[in-house]
Amino acid sequence: MTSNGLADGWEIWTAEDDGRTVYAYRPDVFDGDEYPAPCLPVCYLTPGTQTRRPGQNPTDRTTTDDWFVTLYLEPEVYVDDVHRFESRSDAESFARSLLARFADGELDYREAYQIPREHYLDRLDELTGRN
């Protein structure tokens, strides 16, 4: 665990007044130089509105009082599923657990790709102890 209570390698990238939080994994490694900027693994903790996915009808949006947790390897590549919670504290607890599972190499992120970026995924394997 890091000083902010997150799993090793994760940091709070942004935290907004509405409670939305974006966590980033190893921005020192996935900094846009060796890897394209979208390759920075991020986890979103978001309130109320689940934004539409590409190709989805703009009116097909979910607006609730719920909270959502989504872990992305790239903007259109998410790991696990989108998880929905009734409270922010439950969502945050799950997010921290998900980040720890990712950092410990317990999530199979390679399954999320239809056309994998082998060099990038090999580096993730190395950082998360999956190799």
N, C-alpha and C. Protein backbone atom coordinates (compact mmCIF):
# COMPACT_ATOMS: atom_id res chain seq x y z
N MET A 1 0.83 -1.18 0.00
CA MET A 1 0.00 0.00 0.00
C MET A 1 0.88 1.25 0.00
N THR A 2 0.38 2.26 -0.69
CA THR A 2 1.08 3.53 -0.73
C THR A 2 0.59 4.41 0.42
N SER A 3 1.19 5.58 0.56
CA SER A 3 0.81 6.47 1.66
C SER A 3 -0.63 6.96 1.55
N ASN A 4 -1.21 6.93 0.34
CA ASN A 4 -2.60 7.36 0.18
C ASN A 4 -3.58 6.20 0.36
N GLY A 5 -3.09 5.05 0.80
CA GLY A 5 -3.95 3.90 1.05
C GLY A 5 -4.31 3.10 -0.18
N LEU A 6 -3.69 3.41 -1.31
CA LEU A 6 -3.95 2.69 -2.55
C LEU A 6 -2.90 1.61 -2.75
N ALA A 7 -3.23 0.64 -3.57
CA ALA A 7 -2.28 -0.42 -3.91
C ALA A 7 -1.06 0.19 -4.60
N ASP A 8 0.07 -0.46 -4.46
CA ASP A 8 1.31 0.01 -5.06
C ASP A 8 1.12 0.30 -6.54
N GLY A 9 1.66 1.43 -6.98
CA GLY A 9 1.59 1.82 -8.37
C GLY A 9 0.42 2.72 -8.72
N TRP A 10 -0.59 2.75 -7.88
CA TRP A 10 -1.78 3.56 -8.13
C TRP A 10 -1.69 4.89 -7.40
N GLU A 11 -2.22 5.93 -8.03
CA GLU A 11 -2.32 7.22 -7.38
C GLU A 11 -3.62 7.90 -7.79
N ILE A 12 -4.04 8.83 -6.98
CA ILE A 12 -5.23 9.60 -7.33
C ILE A 12 -4.80 10.62 -8.37
N TRP A 13 -5.36 10.51 -9.56
CA TRP A 13 -5.01 11.38 -10.67
C TRP A 13 -5.80 12.68 -10.56
N THR A 14 -7.10 12.56 -10.32
CA THR A 14 -7.96 13.71 -10.07
C THR A 14 -9.04 13.33 -9.07
N ALA A 15 -9.46 14.30 -8.31
CA ALA A 15 -10.58 14.13 -7.38
C ALA A 15 -11.41 15.41 -7.48
N GLU A 16 -12.68 15.27 -7.83
CA GLU A 16 -13.52 16.43 -8.06
C GLU A 16 -14.51 16.62 -6.91
N ASP A 17 -15.07 17.80 -6.85
CA ASP A 17 -16.00 18.15 -5.78
C ASP A 17 -17.23 17.25 -5.72
N ASP A 18 -17.67 16.73 -6.86
CA ASP A 18 -18.86 15.89 -6.88
C ASP A 18 -18.57 14.45 -6.44
N GLY A 19 -17.30 14.17 -6.09
CA GLY A 19 -16.91 12.84 -5.63
C GLY A 19 -16.25 11.99 -6.69
N ARG A 20 -16.35 12.41 -7.94
CA ARG A 20 -15.71 11.66 -9.03
C ARG A 20 -14.21 11.62 -8.76
N THR A 21 -13.65 10.42 -8.89
CA THR A 21 -12.22 10.23 -8.67
C THR A 21 -11.66 9.41 -9.82
N VAL A 22 -10.49 9.81 -10.29
CA VAL A 22 -9.80 9.06 -11.32
C VAL A 22 -8.47 8.60 -10.72
N TYR A 23 -8.25 7.29 -10.75
CA TYR A 23 -7.01 6.70 -10.27
C TYR A 23 -6.17 6.33 -11.48
N ALA A 24 -4.86 6.54 -11.41
CA ALA A 24 -3.95 6.22 -12.52
C ALA A 24 -2.90 5.22 -12.03
N TYR A 25 -2.56 4.28 -12.90
CA TYR A 25 -1.56 3.27 -12.58
C TYR A 25 -0.23 3.61 -13.24
N ARG A 26 0.78 3.77 -12.45
CA ARG A 26 2.16 3.98 -12.87
C ARG A 26 2.28 5.05 -13.96
N PRO A 27 1.83 6.27 -13.68
CA PRO A 27 1.99 7.34 -14.68
C PRO A 27 3.45 7.65 -14.97
N ASP A 28 4.36 7.18 -14.11
CA ASP A 28 5.78 7.35 -14.38
C ASP A 28 6.25 6.44 -15.51
N VAL A 29 5.54 5.33 -15.73
CA VAL A 29 5.90 4.38 -16.78
C VAL A 29 5.06 4.64 -18.03
N PHE A 30 3.75 4.76 -17.85
CA PHE A 30 2.84 4.94 -18.98
C PHE A 30 2.58 6.42 -19.17
N ASP A 31 3.64 7.15 -19.51
CA ASP A 31 3.62 8.61 -19.53
C ASP A 31 3.44 9.23 -20.91
N GLY A 32 3.20 8.43 -21.92
CA GLY A 32 3.00 8.97 -23.25
C GLY A 32 4.26 9.00 -24.09
N ASP A 33 5.42 8.71 -23.52
CA ASP A 33 6.66 8.68 -24.29
C ASP A 33 6.85 7.33 -24.97
N GLU A 34 7.05 6.29 -24.18
CA GLU A 34 7.25 4.96 -24.75
C GLU A 34 5.94 4.32 -25.19
N TYR A 35 4.88 4.65 -24.50
CA TYR A 35 3.56 4.11 -24.80
C TYR A 35 2.63 5.27 -25.16
N PRO A 36 1.67 5.04 -26.04
CA PRO A 36 0.73 6.13 -26.35
C PRO A 36 0.01 6.58 -25.08
N ALA A 37 -0.28 7.87 -24.98
CA ALA A 37 -0.93 8.41 -23.77
C ALA A 37 -2.19 7.65 -23.36
N PRO A 38 -3.02 7.18 -24.29
CA PRO A 38 -4.22 6.44 -23.87
C PRO A 38 -3.92 5.12 -23.17
N CYS A 39 -2.68 4.65 -23.18
CA CYS A 39 -2.34 3.38 -22.54
C CYS A 39 -2.17 3.50 -21.03
N LEU A 40 -2.37 4.67 -20.47
CA LEU A 40 -2.29 4.82 -19.02
C LEU A 40 -3.50 4.11 -18.39
N PRO A 41 -3.30 3.02 -17.64
CA PRO A 41 -4.44 2.37 -16.98
C PRO A 41 -5.07 3.33 -15.98
N VAL A 42 -6.38 3.47 -16.07
CA VAL A 42 -7.11 4.35 -15.16
C VAL A 42 -8.36 3.65 -14.65
N CYS A 43 -8.76 4.04 -13.46
CA CYS A 43 -9.99 3.54 -12.87
C CYS A 43 -10.84 4.76 -12.51
N TYR A 44 -12.08 4.75 -12.96
CA TYR A 44 -13.01 5.84 -12.69
C TYR A 44 -14.00 5.44 -11.60
N LEU A 45 -14.16 6.31 -10.64
CA LEU A 45 -15.20 6.21 -9.62
C LEU A 45 -16.11 7.40 -9.91
N THR A 46 -17.30 7.14 -10.44
CA THR A 46 -18.15 8.22 -10.92
C THR A 46 -19.56 8.15 -10.33
N PRO A 47 -20.12 9.32 -10.03
CA PRO A 47 -21.47 9.38 -9.50
C PRO A 47 -22.52 9.50 -10.60
N GLY A 48 -23.68 8.92 -10.33
CA GLY A 48 -24.91 9.22 -11.04
C GLY A 48 -25.08 9.01 -12.50
N THR A 49 -24.20 9.45 -13.34
CA THR A 49 -24.42 9.35 -14.76
C THR A 49 -23.36 8.48 -15.39
N GLN A 50 -23.80 7.46 -16.04
CA GLN A 50 -22.90 6.59 -16.79
C GLN A 50 -22.92 7.10 -18.22
N THR A 51 -21.83 7.63 -18.70
CA THR A 51 -21.80 8.21 -20.03
C THR A 51 -21.95 7.13 -21.08
N ARG A 52 -22.41 7.55 -22.23
CA ARG A 52 -22.64 6.60 -23.31
C ARG A 52 -21.33 6.10 -23.88
N ARG A 53 -21.38 4.92 -24.43
CA ARG A 53 -20.23 4.32 -25.08
C ARG A 53 -20.24 4.72 -26.56
N PRO A 54 -19.09 4.65 -27.23
CA PRO A 54 -19.05 4.97 -28.66
C PRO A 54 -20.04 4.11 -29.43
N GLY A 55 -20.75 4.75 -30.35
CA GLY A 55 -21.72 4.03 -31.16
C GLY A 55 -23.09 3.88 -30.51
N GLN A 56 -23.20 4.25 -29.27
CA GLN A 56 -24.46 4.13 -28.56
C GLN A 56 -25.31 5.37 -28.81
N ASN A 57 -26.61 5.21 -28.86
CA ASN A 57 -27.53 6.32 -29.03
C ASN A 57 -27.32 7.33 -27.91
N PRO A 58 -27.17 8.62 -28.22
CA PRO A 58 -26.93 9.64 -27.18
C PRO A 58 -28.01 9.70 -26.12
N THR A 59 -29.22 9.24 -26.43
CA THR A 59 -30.28 9.28 -25.42
C THR A 59 -30.23 8.08 -24.48
N ASP A 60 -29.40 7.09 -24.81
CA ASP A 60 -29.27 5.89 -23.97
C ASP A 60 -28.23 6.13 -22.88
N ARG A 61 -28.60 6.85 -21.86
CA ARG A 61 -27.71 7.15 -20.74
C ARG A 61 -28.40 6.70 -19.47
N THR A 62 -27.62 6.33 -18.51
CA THR A 62 -28.16 5.93 -17.21
C THR A 62 -27.90 7.07 -16.24
N THR A 63 -28.95 7.62 -15.66
CA THR A 63 -28.79 8.67 -14.66
C THR A 63 -29.47 8.19 -13.38
N THR A 64 -28.68 8.05 -12.34
CA THR A 64 -29.19 7.54 -11.07
C THR A 64 -28.42 8.19 -9.93
N ASP A 65 -28.76 7.79 -8.73
CA ASP A 65 -28.00 8.22 -7.56
C ASP A 65 -26.88 7.24 -7.25
N ASP A 66 -26.72 6.25 -8.09
CA ASP A 66 -25.72 5.22 -7.87
C ASP A 66 -24.32 5.70 -8.24
N TRP A 67 -23.35 4.88 -7.89
CA TRP A 67 -21.94 5.13 -8.19
C TRP A 67 -21.43 4.01 -9.07
N PHE A 68 -20.50 4.33 -9.94
CA PHE A 68 -19.95 3.36 -10.88
C PHE A 68 -18.43 3.30 -10.76
N VAL A 69 -17.89 2.09 -10.92
CA VAL A 69 -16.44 1.87 -10.92
C VAL A 69 -16.11 1.15 -12.22
N THR A 70 -15.17 1.74 -12.98
CA THR A 70 -14.75 1.14 -14.25
C THR A 70 -13.24 1.25 -14.36
N LEU A 71 -12.60 0.14 -14.69
CA LEU A 71 -11.15 0.08 -14.86
C LEU A 71 -10.84 -0.04 -16.35
N TYR A 72 -10.11 0.94 -16.87
CA TYR A 72 -9.76 0.97 -18.29
C TYR A 72 -8.27 0.78 -18.49
N LEU A 73 -7.91 0.04 -19.56
CA LEU A 73 -6.53 -0.01 -20.02
C LEU A 73 -6.31 1.04 -21.10
N GLU A 74 -7.36 1.34 -21.82
CA GLU A 74 -7.39 2.38 -22.85
C GLU A 74 -8.83 2.88 -22.87
N PRO A 75 -9.10 4.01 -23.54
CA PRO A 75 -10.44 4.56 -23.49
C PRO A 75 -11.56 3.59 -23.86
N GLU A 76 -11.33 2.65 -24.75
CA GLU A 76 -12.41 1.74 -25.14
C GLU A 76 -12.15 0.30 -24.70
N VAL A 77 -11.14 0.11 -23.86
CA VAL A 77 -10.80 -1.24 -23.39
C VAL A 77 -10.91 -1.25 -21.88
N TYR A 78 -11.99 -1.86 -21.38
CA TYR A 78 -12.12 -1.91 -19.93
C TYR A 78 -11.95 -3.33 -19.43
N VAL A 79 -11.46 -3.43 -18.21
CA VAL A 79 -11.16 -4.71 -17.57
C VAL A 79 -12.28 -4.99 -16.58
N ASP A 80 -12.63 -6.26 -16.48
CA ASP A 80 -13.70 -6.65 -15.57
C ASP A 80 -15.00 -6.12 -16.18
N ASP A 81 -15.89 -5.57 -15.41
CA ASP A 81 -17.12 -4.98 -15.90
C ASP A 81 -17.27 -3.61 -15.28
N VAL A 82 -18.30 -2.90 -15.70
CA VAL A 82 -18.68 -1.68 -15.01
C VAL A 82 -19.46 -2.13 -13.79
N HIS A 83 -19.05 -1.67 -12.63
CA HIS A 83 -19.70 -2.09 -11.38
C HIS A 83 -20.51 -0.92 -10.83
N ARG A 84 -21.70 -1.23 -10.34
CA ARG A 84 -22.64 -0.22 -9.87
C ARG A 84 -22.90 -0.42 -8.38
N PHE A 85 -22.92 0.69 -7.62
CA PHE A 85 -23.10 0.64 -6.17
C PHE A 85 -24.10 1.70 -5.73
N GLU A 86 -24.77 1.45 -4.63
CA GLU A 86 -25.75 2.39 -4.11
C GLU A 86 -25.12 3.53 -3.32
N SER A 87 -23.88 3.34 -2.84
CA SER A 87 -23.24 4.40 -2.06
C SER A 87 -21.81 4.62 -2.54
N ARG A 88 -21.33 5.83 -2.29
CA ARG A 88 -19.95 6.14 -2.67
C ARG A 88 -18.97 5.31 -1.86
N SER A 89 -19.26 5.12 -0.59
CA SER A 89 -18.31 4.36 0.24
C SER A 89 -18.18 2.92 -0.24
N ASP A 90 -19.29 2.31 -0.66
CA ASP A 90 -19.21 0.95 -1.21
C ASP A 90 -18.42 0.94 -2.51
N ALA A 91 -18.66 1.94 -3.36
CA ALA A 91 -17.95 2.03 -4.64
C ALA A 91 -16.46 2.25 -4.41
N GLU A 92 -16.12 3.12 -3.48
CA GLU A 92 -14.72 3.40 -3.20
C GLU A 92 -14.01 2.18 -2.62
N SER A 93 -14.68 1.48 -1.75
CA SER A 93 -14.11 0.26 -1.17
C SER A 93 -13.84 -0.77 -2.27
N PHE A 94 -14.81 -0.93 -3.17
CA PHE A 94 -14.63 -1.87 -4.27
C PHE A 94 -13.50 -1.41 -5.19
N ALA A 95 -13.46 -0.11 -5.49
CA ALA A 95 -12.41 0.41 -6.37
C ALA A 95 -11.03 0.11 -5.80
N ARG A 96 -10.86 0.34 -4.51
CA ARG A 96 -9.55 0.08 -3.89
C ARG A 96 -9.19 -1.40 -3.95
N SER A 97 -10.19 -2.25 -3.77
CA SER A 97 -9.97 -3.69 -3.89
C SER A 97 -9.60 -4.06 -5.33
N LEU A 98 -10.30 -3.47 -6.29
CA LEU A 98 -10.03 -3.73 -7.70
C LEU A 98 -8.62 -3.27 -8.08
N LEU A 99 -8.21 -2.11 -7.58
CA LEU A 99 -6.86 -1.61 -7.86
C LEU A 99 -5.81 -2.54 -7.27
N ALA A 100 -6.07 -3.07 -6.09
CA ALA A 100 -5.12 -4.01 -5.47
C ALA A 100 -5.04 -5.30 -6.27
N ARG A 101 -6.18 -5.80 -6.72
CA ARG A 101 -6.18 -7.03 -7.53
C ARG A 101 -5.41 -6.81 -8.83
N PHE A 102 -5.57 -5.64 -9.43
CA PHE A 102 -4.84 -5.31 -10.65
C PHE A 102 -3.34 -5.27 -10.36
N ALA A 103 -2.95 -4.52 -9.33
CA ALA A 103 -1.53 -4.36 -8.99
C ALA A 103 -0.88 -5.68 -8.61
N ASP A 104 -1.66 -6.61 -8.06
CA ASP A 104 -1.13 -7.91 -7.67
C ASP A 104 -1.15 -8.93 -8.81
N GLY A 105 -1.60 -8.50 -10.00
CA GLY A 105 -1.61 -9.40 -11.15
C GLY A 105 -2.75 -10.39 -11.15
N GLU A 106 -3.80 -10.12 -10.38
CA GLU A 106 -4.92 -11.06 -10.28
C GLU A 106 -5.98 -10.89 -11.37
N LEU A 107 -5.95 -9.78 -12.10
CA LEU A 107 -6.93 -9.55 -13.15
C LEU A 107 -6.36 -9.94 -14.50
N ASP A 108 -7.14 -10.62 -15.31
CA ASP A 108 -6.68 -11.03 -16.63
C ASP A 108 -7.06 -9.94 -17.63
N TYR A 109 -6.22 -8.92 -17.72
CA TYR A 109 -6.50 -7.80 -18.60
C TYR A 109 -6.26 -8.12 -20.06
N ARG A 110 -5.50 -9.17 -20.36
CA ARG A 110 -5.27 -9.55 -21.76
C ARG A 110 -6.57 -9.97 -22.44
N GLU A 111 -7.49 -10.53 -21.66
CA GLU A 111 -8.79 -10.96 -22.20
C GLU A 111 -9.61 -9.79 -22.73
N ALA A 112 -9.33 -8.58 -22.28
CA ALA A 112 -10.11 -7.41 -22.67
C ALA A 112 -9.81 -6.96 -24.10
N TYR A 113 -8.71 -7.42 -24.68
CA TYR A 113 -8.29 -6.97 -26.00
C TYR A 113 -8.73 -7.92 -27.10
N GLN A 114 -9.23 -7.33 -28.19
CA GLN A 114 -9.46 -8.11 -29.40
C GLN A 114 -8.18 -8.14 -30.23
N ILE A 115 -7.48 -7.00 -30.28
CA ILE A 115 -6.19 -6.89 -30.96
C ILE A 115 -5.22 -6.34 -29.93
N PRO A 116 -4.50 -7.22 -29.25
CA PRO A 116 -3.64 -6.77 -28.14
C PRO A 116 -2.41 -5.99 -28.59
N ARG A 117 -1.95 -5.16 -27.69
CA ARG A 117 -0.67 -4.45 -27.83
C ARG A 117 0.33 -5.27 -27.01
N GLU A 118 1.01 -6.18 -27.65
CA GLU A 118 1.86 -7.13 -26.93
C GLU A 118 2.92 -6.45 -26.07
N HIS A 119 3.62 -5.46 -26.60
CA HIS A 119 4.69 -4.79 -25.84
C HIS A 119 4.12 -4.15 -24.58
N TYR A 120 3.01 -3.48 -24.74
CA TYR A 120 2.32 -2.83 -23.61
C TYR A 120 1.86 -3.86 -22.58
N LEU A 121 1.22 -4.92 -23.03
CA LEU A 121 0.73 -5.94 -22.11
C LEU A 121 1.88 -6.69 -21.44
N ASP A 122 2.97 -6.89 -22.15
CA ASP A 122 4.15 -7.51 -21.54
C ASP A 122 4.68 -6.64 -20.40
N ARG A 123 4.66 -5.33 -20.61
CA ARG A 123 5.13 -4.40 -19.56
C ARG A 123 4.19 -4.44 -18.36
N LEU A 124 2.89 -4.48 -18.61
CA LEU A 124 1.93 -4.62 -17.51
C LEU A 124 2.17 -5.92 -16.75
N ASP A 125 2.41 -7.00 -17.48
CA ASP A 125 2.71 -8.28 -16.84
C ASP A 125 3.92 -8.16 -15.92
N GLU A 126 4.95 -7.49 -16.42
CA GLU A 126 6.17 -7.32 -15.64
C GLU A 126 5.89 -6.50 -14.36
N LEU A 127 5.16 -5.39 -14.49
CA LEU A 127 4.89 -4.51 -13.36
C LEU A 127 3.96 -5.15 -12.33
N THR A 128 3.06 -6.01 -12.78
CA THR A 128 2.10 -6.62 -11.86
C THR A 128 2.50 -8.04 -11.44
N GLY A 129 3.68 -8.47 -11.85
CA GLY A 129 4.17 -9.78 -11.42
C GLY A 129 3.51 -10.96 -12.10
N ARG A 130 2.94 -10.73 -13.28
CA ARG A 130 2.25 -11.81 -13.99
C ARG A 130 3.17 -12.59 -14.93
N ASN A 131 4.43 -12.18 -15.08
CA ASN A 131 5.29 -12.87 -16.04
C ASN A 131 6.01 -14.04 -15.41
